[in-house]
Amino acid sequence: MADPNLDSLIEYPLDFPIKIMGRRHDHFAQTVVDIVKRHAPDWDAATLEMRLSKSGTYLSLTATIRAVDRAQLDALYTELSGHPMVSVVL
């Protein structure tokens, strides 16, 4: 089986921003922090960027992690996008 990193133009490790969007909910940001920390234990949650939509209905979070390989990013994207509070992961 081919190494997935050879198919990528990304050179690891690198700082990689992940944008997570969902409906504004009391526990949304903490839930996202918990998921990101599972996949990137060295990530500093204090660097999480938060933006509310104009209507205040949605919250956009940006977590910039130090990605070590594609498998790490794939696992993080899979868990985030599978969570019921999360609408979009970019």
N, C-alpha and C. Protein backbone atom coordinates (compact mmCIF):
# COMPACT_ATOMS: atom_id res chain seq x y z
N MET A 1 0.85 -1.19 0.00
CA MET A 1 0.00 0.00 0.00
C MET A 1 0.89 1.24 0.00
N ALA A 2 0.51 2.22 -0.79
CA ALA A 2 1.31 3.45 -0.91
C ALA A 2 1.18 4.30 0.33
N ASP A 3 2.26 5.01 0.63
CA ASP A 3 2.26 5.96 1.76
C ASP A 3 1.38 7.14 1.37
N PRO A 4 0.29 7.43 2.16
CA PRO A 4 -0.59 8.55 1.82
C PRO A 4 0.12 9.89 1.82
N ASN A 5 1.20 10.02 2.58
CA ASN A 5 1.93 11.30 2.62
C ASN A 5 2.63 11.57 1.29
N LEU A 6 2.94 10.52 0.51
CA LEU A 6 3.59 10.74 -0.77
C LEU A 6 2.63 11.32 -1.80
N ASP A 7 1.33 11.09 -1.62
CA ASP A 7 0.33 11.61 -2.53
C ASP A 7 -0.04 13.05 -2.21
N SER A 8 0.46 13.59 -1.13
CA SER A 8 0.08 14.91 -0.67
C SER A 8 1.16 15.93 -0.98
N LEU A 9 0.73 17.15 -1.23
CA LEU A 9 1.68 18.24 -1.43
C LEU A 9 2.06 18.88 -0.10
N ILE A 10 1.44 18.42 0.97
CA ILE A 10 1.70 18.96 2.30
C ILE A 10 2.94 18.30 2.88
N GLU A 11 3.83 19.10 3.44
CA GLU A 11 5.01 18.58 4.13
C GLU A 11 4.79 18.71 5.62
N TYR A 12 4.85 17.59 6.30
CA TYR A 12 4.63 17.54 7.74
C TYR A 12 5.95 17.58 8.47
N PRO A 13 5.96 18.06 9.70
CA PRO A 13 4.87 18.71 10.45
C PRO A 13 4.66 20.15 9.96
N LEU A 14 3.45 20.67 10.20
CA LEU A 14 3.13 22.04 9.84
C LEU A 14 1.98 22.54 10.69
N ASP A 15 1.87 23.87 10.79
CA ASP A 15 0.73 24.48 11.48
C ASP A 15 -0.44 24.46 10.51
N PHE A 16 -1.54 23.85 10.94
CA PHE A 16 -2.67 23.62 10.05
C PHE A 16 -3.96 24.14 10.68
N PRO A 17 -4.58 25.17 10.07
CA PRO A 17 -5.83 25.70 10.62
C PRO A 17 -7.02 24.85 10.21
N ILE A 18 -7.89 24.59 11.16
CA ILE A 18 -9.12 23.84 10.91
C ILE A 18 -10.28 24.71 11.36
N LYS A 19 -11.23 24.96 10.46
CA LYS A 19 -12.40 25.77 10.79
C LYS A 19 -13.58 24.84 11.04
N ILE A 20 -14.23 25.05 12.18
CA ILE A 20 -15.35 24.23 12.60
C ILE A 20 -16.54 25.15 12.83
N MET A 21 -17.67 24.84 12.20
CA MET A 21 -18.85 25.68 12.35
C MET A 21 -20.04 24.85 12.84
N GLY A 22 -20.84 25.49 13.67
CA GLY A 22 -22.03 24.84 14.18
C GLY A 22 -22.97 25.86 14.79
N ARG A 23 -24.15 25.40 15.13
CA ARG A 23 -25.11 26.28 15.80
C ARG A 23 -24.54 26.69 17.16
N ARG A 24 -24.79 27.90 17.53
CA ARG A 24 -24.32 28.40 18.83
C ARG A 24 -25.01 27.60 19.93
N HIS A 25 -24.21 27.05 20.82
CA HIS A 25 -24.70 26.18 21.89
C HIS A 25 -23.73 26.36 23.06
N ASP A 26 -24.25 26.29 24.27
CA ASP A 26 -23.42 26.52 25.46
C ASP A 26 -22.17 25.65 25.49
N HIS A 27 -22.25 24.43 25.00
CA HIS A 27 -21.13 23.50 25.12
C HIS A 27 -20.38 23.27 23.80
N PHE A 28 -20.73 24.01 22.76
CA PHE A 28 -20.13 23.78 21.45
C PHE A 28 -18.61 23.97 21.48
N ALA A 29 -18.14 25.11 21.96
CA ALA A 29 -16.70 25.39 21.96
C ALA A 29 -15.94 24.36 22.81
N GLN A 30 -16.45 24.02 23.97
CA GLN A 30 -15.76 23.05 24.83
C GLN A 30 -15.74 21.66 24.18
N THR A 31 -16.80 21.30 23.51
CA THR A 31 -16.85 20.01 22.82
C THR A 31 -15.79 19.96 21.73
N VAL A 32 -15.67 21.03 20.95
CA VAL A 32 -14.66 21.09 19.90
C VAL A 32 -13.26 21.03 20.51
N VAL A 33 -13.02 21.78 21.58
CA VAL A 33 -11.71 21.76 22.25
C VAL A 33 -11.37 20.33 22.68
N ASP A 34 -12.32 19.63 23.27
CA ASP A 34 -12.07 18.26 23.74
C ASP A 34 -11.70 17.34 22.57
N ILE A 35 -12.39 17.47 21.46
CA ILE A 35 -12.10 16.63 20.29
C ILE A 35 -10.72 16.96 19.73
N VAL A 36 -10.43 18.24 19.56
CA VAL A 36 -9.13 18.64 19.00
C VAL A 36 -8.00 18.16 19.90
N LYS A 37 -8.15 18.31 21.22
CA LYS A 37 -7.09 17.89 22.16
C LYS A 37 -6.84 16.38 22.09
N ARG A 38 -7.87 15.60 21.79
CA ARG A 38 -7.68 14.15 21.66
C ARG A 38 -6.73 13.82 20.52
N HIS A 39 -6.78 14.61 19.46
CA HIS A 39 -5.98 14.33 18.27
C HIS A 39 -4.69 15.14 18.21
N ALA A 40 -4.64 16.23 18.95
CA ALA A 40 -3.45 17.09 18.98
C ALA A 40 -3.22 17.53 20.42
N PRO A 41 -2.71 16.61 21.27
CA PRO A 41 -2.59 16.88 22.70
C PRO A 41 -1.74 18.10 23.05
N ASP A 42 -0.83 18.48 22.16
CA ASP A 42 0.04 19.62 22.44
C ASP A 42 -0.59 20.95 22.01
N TRP A 43 -1.78 20.91 21.42
CA TRP A 43 -2.46 22.14 20.98
C TRP A 43 -2.88 22.98 22.18
N ASP A 44 -2.66 24.28 22.09
CA ASP A 44 -3.02 25.21 23.15
C ASP A 44 -4.42 25.76 22.88
N ALA A 45 -5.39 25.34 23.67
CA ALA A 45 -6.78 25.76 23.48
C ALA A 45 -6.96 27.28 23.60
N ALA A 46 -6.03 27.96 24.24
CA ALA A 46 -6.12 29.42 24.36
C ALA A 46 -5.97 30.11 23.00
N THR A 47 -5.48 29.39 22.00
CA THR A 47 -5.31 29.97 20.67
C THR A 47 -6.55 29.80 19.80
N LEU A 48 -7.61 29.17 20.32
CA LEU A 48 -8.84 28.97 19.57
C LEU A 48 -9.45 30.32 19.20
N GLU A 49 -9.75 30.51 17.93
CA GLU A 49 -10.39 31.74 17.46
C GLU A 49 -11.88 31.48 17.33
N MET A 50 -12.70 32.43 17.81
CA MET A 50 -14.15 32.28 17.77
C MET A 50 -14.79 33.49 17.11
N ARG A 51 -15.78 33.21 16.26
CA ARG A 51 -16.55 34.29 15.62
C ARG A 51 -18.02 33.88 15.57
N LEU A 52 -18.87 34.79 15.98
CA LEU A 52 -20.31 34.57 15.88
C LEU A 52 -20.80 35.05 14.51
N SER A 53 -21.83 34.41 14.00
CA SER A 53 -22.46 34.89 12.77
C SER A 53 -23.17 36.22 13.08
N LYS A 54 -23.51 36.95 12.05
CA LYS A 54 -24.19 38.24 12.25
C LYS A 54 -25.46 38.09 13.07
N SER A 55 -26.18 37.01 12.83
CA SER A 55 -27.44 36.80 13.55
C SER A 55 -27.21 36.21 14.95
N GLY A 56 -25.99 35.74 15.21
CA GLY A 56 -25.68 35.12 16.50
C GLY A 56 -26.15 33.69 16.60
N THR A 57 -26.60 33.12 15.50
CA THR A 57 -27.12 31.75 15.49
C THR A 57 -26.01 30.72 15.39
N TYR A 58 -24.94 31.06 14.66
CA TYR A 58 -23.85 30.12 14.41
C TYR A 58 -22.55 30.62 15.02
N LEU A 59 -21.70 29.67 15.35
CA LEU A 59 -20.37 29.98 15.89
C LEU A 59 -19.34 29.31 14.99
N SER A 60 -18.33 30.08 14.61
CA SER A 60 -17.23 29.57 13.81
C SER A 60 -15.99 29.54 14.69
N LEU A 61 -15.35 28.39 14.74
CA LEU A 61 -14.13 28.22 15.54
C LEU A 61 -12.98 27.86 14.61
N THR A 62 -11.81 28.42 14.86
CA THR A 62 -10.62 28.04 14.11
C THR A 62 -9.57 27.56 15.09
N ALA A 63 -9.16 26.31 14.90
CA ALA A 63 -8.11 25.71 15.72
C ALA A 63 -6.91 25.45 14.82
N THR A 64 -5.80 26.06 15.12
CA THR A 64 -4.58 25.83 14.34
C THR A 64 -3.70 24.87 15.13
N ILE A 65 -3.58 23.66 14.60
CA ILE A 65 -2.81 22.61 15.28
C ILE A 65 -1.47 22.41 14.59
N ARG A 66 -0.57 21.76 15.27
CA ARG A 66 0.70 21.33 14.67
C ARG A 66 0.45 19.91 14.16
N ALA A 67 0.14 19.80 12.87
CA ALA A 67 -0.18 18.50 12.28
C ALA A 67 1.09 17.71 12.01
N VAL A 68 1.08 16.46 12.41
CA VAL A 68 2.27 15.61 12.24
C VAL A 68 2.16 14.69 11.03
N ASP A 69 0.94 14.35 10.62
CA ASP A 69 0.77 13.52 9.42
C ASP A 69 -0.68 13.55 8.96
N ARG A 70 -0.89 12.99 7.80
CA ARG A 70 -2.24 13.00 7.21
C ARG A 70 -3.21 12.15 8.04
N ALA A 71 -2.74 11.06 8.60
CA ALA A 71 -3.61 10.20 9.40
C ALA A 71 -4.19 10.97 10.59
N GLN A 72 -3.38 11.81 11.20
CA GLN A 72 -3.85 12.63 12.32
C GLN A 72 -4.96 13.57 11.85
N LEU A 73 -4.75 14.26 10.73
CA LEU A 73 -5.75 15.18 10.21
C LEU A 73 -7.03 14.45 9.80
N ASP A 74 -6.87 13.30 9.15
CA ASP A 74 -8.04 12.52 8.73
C ASP A 74 -8.88 12.10 9.93
N ALA A 75 -8.22 11.63 10.99
CA ALA A 75 -8.94 11.19 12.19
C ALA A 75 -9.64 12.37 12.85
N LEU A 76 -8.98 13.52 12.91
CA LEU A 76 -9.58 14.71 13.51
C LEU A 76 -10.80 15.17 12.70
N TYR A 77 -10.64 15.26 11.37
CA TYR A 77 -11.77 15.65 10.51
C TYR A 77 -12.93 14.68 10.64
N THR A 78 -12.64 13.39 10.70
CA THR A 78 -13.69 12.38 10.81
C THR A 78 -14.48 12.54 12.10
N GLU A 79 -13.76 12.72 13.23
CA GLU A 79 -14.47 12.87 14.50
C GLU A 79 -15.26 14.17 14.55
N LEU A 80 -14.66 15.26 14.09
CA LEU A 80 -15.38 16.54 14.11
C LEU A 80 -16.61 16.50 13.22
N SER A 81 -16.46 16.05 12.00
CA SER A 81 -17.59 16.07 11.06
C SER A 81 -18.68 15.08 11.45
N GLY A 82 -18.35 14.07 12.26
CA GLY A 82 -19.34 13.11 12.70
C GLY A 82 -20.09 13.54 13.95
N HIS A 83 -19.66 14.64 14.57
CA HIS A 83 -20.32 15.08 15.81
C HIS A 83 -21.61 15.81 15.47
N PRO A 84 -22.69 15.53 16.20
CA PRO A 84 -23.99 16.15 15.88
C PRO A 84 -24.04 17.67 16.05
N MET A 85 -23.15 18.26 16.85
CA MET A 85 -23.15 19.72 17.02
C MET A 85 -22.46 20.44 15.86
N VAL A 86 -21.65 19.70 15.11
CA VAL A 86 -20.83 20.31 14.06
C VAL A 86 -21.57 20.28 12.72
N SER A 87 -21.68 21.45 12.09
CA SER A 87 -22.34 21.54 10.78
C SER A 87 -21.34 21.40 9.65
N VAL A 88 -20.18 22.06 9.77
CA VAL A 88 -19.18 22.11 8.70
C VAL A 88 -17.78 22.06 9.29
N VAL A 89 -16.88 21.34 8.62
CA VAL A 89 -15.46 21.34 8.97
C VAL A 89 -14.69 21.64 7.70
N LEU A 90 -13.86 22.67 7.75
CA LEU A 90 -13.04 23.06 6.58
C LEU A 90 -11.57 23.00 6.94
